[in-house]
Protein backbone atom coordinates (compact mmCIF):
# COMPACT_ATOMS: atom_id res chain seq x y z
CA MET A 1 73.90 137.71 91.05
CA ARG A 2 76.25 135.19 89.03
CA THR A 3 79.83 136.16 89.11
CA PRO A 4 81.83 135.71 85.87
CA HIS A 5 85.29 134.16 85.86
CA GLY A 6 88.05 134.65 83.22
CA SER A 7 86.72 134.61 79.64
CA SER A 8 85.30 130.89 79.44
CA GLY A 9 82.05 131.17 77.61
CA THR A 10 80.81 127.39 78.57
CA PRO A 11 80.38 126.70 82.18
CA ILE A 12 81.73 123.45 83.76
CA THR A 13 78.71 121.20 84.21
CA LEU A 14 78.59 119.65 87.76
CA THR A 15 76.67 116.78 89.48
CA ILE A 16 76.78 116.87 93.23
CA ALA A 17 75.92 113.91 95.46
CA ASP A 18 75.80 114.05 99.18
CA ALA A 19 73.71 112.28 101.90
CA ASN A 20 73.31 115.42 103.69
CA LEU A 21 70.67 117.45 102.33
CA ILE A 22 71.71 120.68 103.78
CA ALA A 23 75.24 120.23 102.64
CA LEU A 24 73.88 119.30 99.07
CA ARG A 25 71.80 122.54 99.02
CA LEU A 26 74.54 124.76 100.22
CA LEU A 27 76.85 123.54 97.58
CA ASN A 28 74.18 123.89 94.91
CA ASP A 29 73.42 127.58 95.95
CA TYR A 30 77.13 128.38 96.17
CA PHE A 31 77.88 127.23 92.52
CA LYS A 32 74.75 129.21 91.27
CA ARG A 33 76.82 132.41 92.01
CA PHE A 34 79.49 131.70 89.46
CA SER A 35 78.88 131.88 85.74
CA ASP A 36 81.57 129.22 84.79
CA PHE A 37 79.86 126.51 86.90
CA LEU A 38 76.44 124.90 86.01
CA VAL A 39 75.07 122.44 88.42
CA VAL A 40 72.96 119.95 86.37
CA ALA A 41 71.92 117.44 88.89
CA CYS A 42 71.88 116.67 92.61
CA ALA A 43 71.51 113.26 94.37
CA THR A 44 71.67 111.70 97.68
CA ASP A 45 72.13 108.03 96.81
CA THR A 46 73.90 105.82 94.30
CA THR A 47 70.61 104.93 92.50
CA SER A 48 69.60 108.66 91.96
CA LEU A 49 73.22 109.51 91.12
CA LEU A 50 73.62 107.05 88.22
CA ARG A 51 70.12 108.00 87.02
CA SER A 52 70.99 111.73 87.20
CA VAL A 53 74.37 111.22 85.28
CA ARG A 54 72.58 109.41 82.56
CA GLN A 55 69.72 111.77 82.14
CA ASN A 56 71.89 114.96 82.45
CA PRO A 57 75.54 114.22 81.71
CA SER A 58 78.04 116.44 83.34
CA ALA A 59 81.79 117.12 82.98
CA VAL A 60 82.65 116.62 86.84
CA ALA A 61 81.08 114.97 89.69
CA LEU A 62 81.42 116.04 93.32
CA ILE A 63 80.58 112.81 95.36
CA ASN A 64 80.76 112.74 99.34
CA THR A 65 82.30 109.46 100.46
CA ASP A 66 78.98 108.72 102.41
CA LEU A 67 75.65 108.83 100.50
CA GLN A 68 72.45 107.63 101.89
CA ASP A 69 73.15 104.12 100.94
CA GLY A 70 75.54 103.97 103.88
CA PRO A 71 79.09 104.60 104.89
CA LEU A 72 81.66 104.66 101.97
CA SER A 73 78.80 104.13 99.57
CA GLY A 74 79.97 107.30 97.53
CA LEU A 75 83.39 105.63 97.12
CA ALA A 76 81.62 102.66 95.46
CA ALA A 77 79.42 104.95 93.41
CA VAL A 78 82.68 106.49 91.86
CA ARG A 79 83.70 103.09 90.68
CA GLU A 80 80.27 102.69 89.09
CA LEU A 81 80.40 105.99 87.46
CA HIS A 82 83.81 105.23 86.00
CA GLU A 83 82.54 102.15 84.50
CA ALA A 84 79.46 103.83 83.22
CA ASP A 85 80.82 106.87 81.75
CA PRO A 86 84.92 106.79 81.72
CA GLY A 87 84.70 110.59 80.47
CA LEU A 88 83.16 111.90 83.49
CA ARG A 89 85.71 113.39 85.99
CA PRO A 90 84.69 112.30 89.65
CA ILE A 91 86.07 114.20 92.76
CA LEU A 92 85.62 112.30 96.05
CA LEU A 93 84.83 114.64 98.86
CA PHE A 94 85.94 113.04 102.24
CA ASP A 95 85.61 113.99 106.00
CA ARG A 96 87.76 111.28 107.30
CA PRO A 97 91.44 111.88 105.93
CA GLU A 98 91.97 107.85 106.00
CA PRO A 99 94.77 106.53 103.67
CA GLU A 100 92.54 103.62 102.37
CA VAL A 101 89.92 105.93 101.37
CA VAL A 102 92.24 108.15 99.17
CA VAL A 103 93.97 105.23 97.67
CA GLU A 104 90.79 103.28 96.82
CA ALA A 105 89.25 106.64 95.37
CA LEU A 106 91.97 106.79 92.92
CA ARG A 107 91.90 103.04 92.07
CA ALA A 108 88.04 103.63 91.40
CA GLY A 109 88.73 106.17 88.96
CA ALA A 110 88.50 109.53 90.95
CA ARG A 111 90.32 112.30 89.22
CA GLY A 112 90.68 114.29 92.43
CA VAL A 113 90.42 113.94 96.19
CA PHE A 114 89.10 116.85 98.32
CA SER A 115 89.20 117.07 102.22
CA ARG A 116 86.15 118.74 103.93
CA ASN A 117 87.93 119.26 107.13
CA SER A 118 89.29 122.68 106.10
CA PHE A 119 86.49 123.29 103.62
CA ASP A 120 87.88 126.21 101.44
CA LEU A 121 85.20 126.91 98.73
CA ALA A 122 87.30 128.88 96.72
CA THR A 123 89.86 126.07 96.72
CA LEU A 124 87.42 123.62 95.69
CA ARG A 125 86.53 125.74 92.72
CA LYS A 126 90.14 125.61 91.61
CA CYS A 127 90.11 121.83 92.21
CA ILE A 128 87.26 121.35 89.76
CA ARG A 129 88.82 123.64 87.24
CA ARG A 130 92.04 121.63 87.31
CA VAL A 131 90.18 118.36 87.21
CA HIS A 132 88.12 119.51 84.29
CA GLU A 133 91.51 120.54 82.34
CA GLY A 134 92.49 116.91 82.77
CA GLN A 135 94.68 117.24 85.72
CA ILE A 136 94.72 115.19 89.08
CA TRP A 137 94.11 117.00 92.23
CA ILE A 138 95.72 115.48 95.32
CA ARG A 139 97.70 117.10 98.06
CA ASN A 140 101.18 116.19 98.98
CA ILE A 141 100.01 114.38 102.23
CA GLU A 142 97.59 112.24 100.23
CA LEU A 143 100.03 111.52 97.58
CA GLU A 144 102.23 110.05 100.32
CA TYR A 145 99.56 107.64 101.17
CA VAL A 146 99.30 106.60 97.64
CA ILE A 147 103.10 106.08 97.54
CA ASP A 148 102.95 104.22 100.84
CA ALA A 149 100.33 101.80 99.45
CA LEU A 150 102.31 101.39 96.10
CA VAL A 151 105.60 100.56 98.11
CA TRP A 152 103.73 97.92 100.35
CA SER A 153 101.76 96.27 97.44
CA ARG A 154 103.17 93.66 95.15
CA ALA A 155 105.33 95.02 92.51
CA LEU A 156 103.48 95.80 89.05
CA ARG A 157 104.03 93.30 86.41
CA VAL A 158 106.44 94.77 83.71
CA VAL A 159 108.13 91.70 82.28
CA SER A 160 106.48 88.26 81.13
CA SER A 161 107.56 85.11 82.71
CA ASP A 162 110.48 84.57 80.29
CA LYS A 163 111.74 88.10 81.05
CA LEU A 164 110.89 89.69 77.90
CA ASN A 165 109.69 93.07 77.91
CA LEU A 166 105.84 93.36 77.37
CA LEU A 167 105.86 96.58 75.81
CA SER A 168 106.83 97.46 72.17
CA ARG A 169 109.17 100.35 71.39
CA ARG A 170 106.30 102.60 70.29
CA GLU A 171 104.40 101.73 73.72
CA GLU A 172 107.52 102.52 75.74
CA GLU A 173 107.86 105.96 73.97
CA VAL A 174 104.26 106.95 74.94
CA MET A 175 104.81 105.72 78.42
CA HIS A 176 107.80 107.79 78.81
CA LEU A 177 105.82 110.80 77.45
CA VAL A 178 102.91 110.33 79.92
CA ALA A 179 105.35 109.91 82.60
CA ASP A 180 106.88 113.29 81.89
CA GLY A 181 103.40 114.91 82.10
CA LEU A 182 102.29 115.26 78.68
CA GLY A 183 98.53 115.01 77.61
CA ASN A 184 97.10 112.64 74.83
CA ARG A 185 97.15 115.79 72.23
CA GLU A 186 100.74 116.68 73.14
CA ILE A 187 101.97 113.25 72.70
CA ALA A 188 100.12 112.87 69.35
CA ASP A 189 101.74 115.99 68.07
CA LEU A 190 105.04 115.14 69.07
CA MET A 191 104.84 111.55 67.82
CA SER A 192 102.84 112.49 64.62
CA LEU A 193 99.89 110.26 65.63
CA SER A 194 96.12 110.78 65.96
CA GLU A 195 94.69 111.06 69.49
CA HIS A 196 92.88 107.91 68.83
CA THR A 197 96.09 106.01 68.13
CA VAL A 198 97.57 107.48 71.29
CA LYS A 199 94.48 106.21 73.43
CA ASN A 200 94.90 102.75 71.85
CA TYR A 201 98.36 102.69 72.84
CA LEU A 202 97.48 103.63 76.35
CA PHE A 203 94.95 100.93 76.52
CA HIS A 204 97.55 98.31 75.60
CA ILE A 205 100.04 99.80 78.06
CA PHE A 206 97.39 99.77 81.00
CA ASP A 207 96.56 96.14 80.26
CA LYS A 208 100.00 94.82 79.83
CA LEU A 209 101.32 96.49 83.06
CA GLY A 210 98.08 95.58 85.10
CA ILE A 211 97.25 99.21 85.69
CA SER A 212 94.01 101.11 85.23
CA ASN A 213 94.87 104.86 84.76
CA ARG A 214 97.44 107.51 84.20
CA VAL A 215 97.80 108.15 87.96
CA GLU A 216 98.93 104.64 88.71
CA LEU A 217 101.32 104.82 85.78
CA VAL A 218 103.10 108.17 87.01
CA LEU A 219 103.08 106.88 90.38
CA TYR A 220 104.68 103.68 89.23
CA ALA A 221 107.28 105.96 87.66
CA VAL A 222 107.91 107.56 91.14
CA THR A 223 108.36 104.36 92.85
CA ASN A 224 110.13 102.39 90.19
CA PRO A 225 112.53 104.53 88.40
CA LYS A 226 114.51 101.70 86.96
CA LYS A 227 111.86 99.62 85.62
CA GLY A 228 111.49 101.14 82.16
CA ILE A 229 109.91 104.52 83.12
CA PRO A 230 112.05 107.38 84.03
CA ALA A 231 111.47 109.04 87.14
CA PRO A 232 109.19 112.13 86.59
CA SER A 233 110.75 115.52 86.73
CA GLN A 234 110.12 118.01 89.69
CA ARG A 235 107.56 119.71 87.36
CA GLU A 236 105.51 116.44 86.93
CA GLN A 237 105.56 115.68 90.51
CA GLN A 238 104.32 119.16 91.52
CA ARG A 239 101.67 118.83 88.62
CA LEU A 240 100.40 115.52 90.18
CA ALA A 241 100.48 117.02 93.81
CA ASP A 242 98.65 120.14 92.44
CA THR A 243 98.44 121.89 95.87
CA ALA A 244 96.07 124.78 96.82
CA ASP A 245 98.73 127.31 96.73
CA ARG A 246 99.14 127.13 92.88
CA GLY A 247 97.44 129.96 90.93
CA ALA A 248 93.93 129.88 89.89
């Protein structure tokens, strides 16, 4: 019997990829119990995953770190999926809590990382909902991995060789609002712009700063509070961490 959740009329469509057929079947059977989730495809390797996403588009993809292609092939698949369909929101499921895996997953385009060491399926459902809503799902401990990686990596380029600011005033305004936790629609309403224009601004900001997504932009604000982006509020840091004890 499928269990309803809330008042949402349209289920969240899911693609699941895992090298382990038993784990894949268990996850598929589990989500069938809930009316707010719909598994549209399952895959065991990168080729079948990419084919499934093309044939049966989904909103969120759960991808295990290891597929049948080999160790960390799921991580590589996240990058390919992001390039093929930027609108798809991947969540990487990992068994080994290695900092490098977490950092590379976010760089590859994952919108969430979820540890299978303490596999709480109710929390996984919450993770999927948050990611589907446009949030980033990452625990505080994994956020620390990412911040440490940024601290030790080279500083992001924010000024040109002649020390002139790379961003226009309008781009700086958009950047500040993103760092404060606003979504594209909220930014568009606040600045009296269209969402399409906001997306264009973000494209140029990412290109000029040498970053690839909003996660890196917010993390840059955390580690470089004096470089043109204000340090995010406590609310935004909690939003980025989005831990399991937040309400469903």
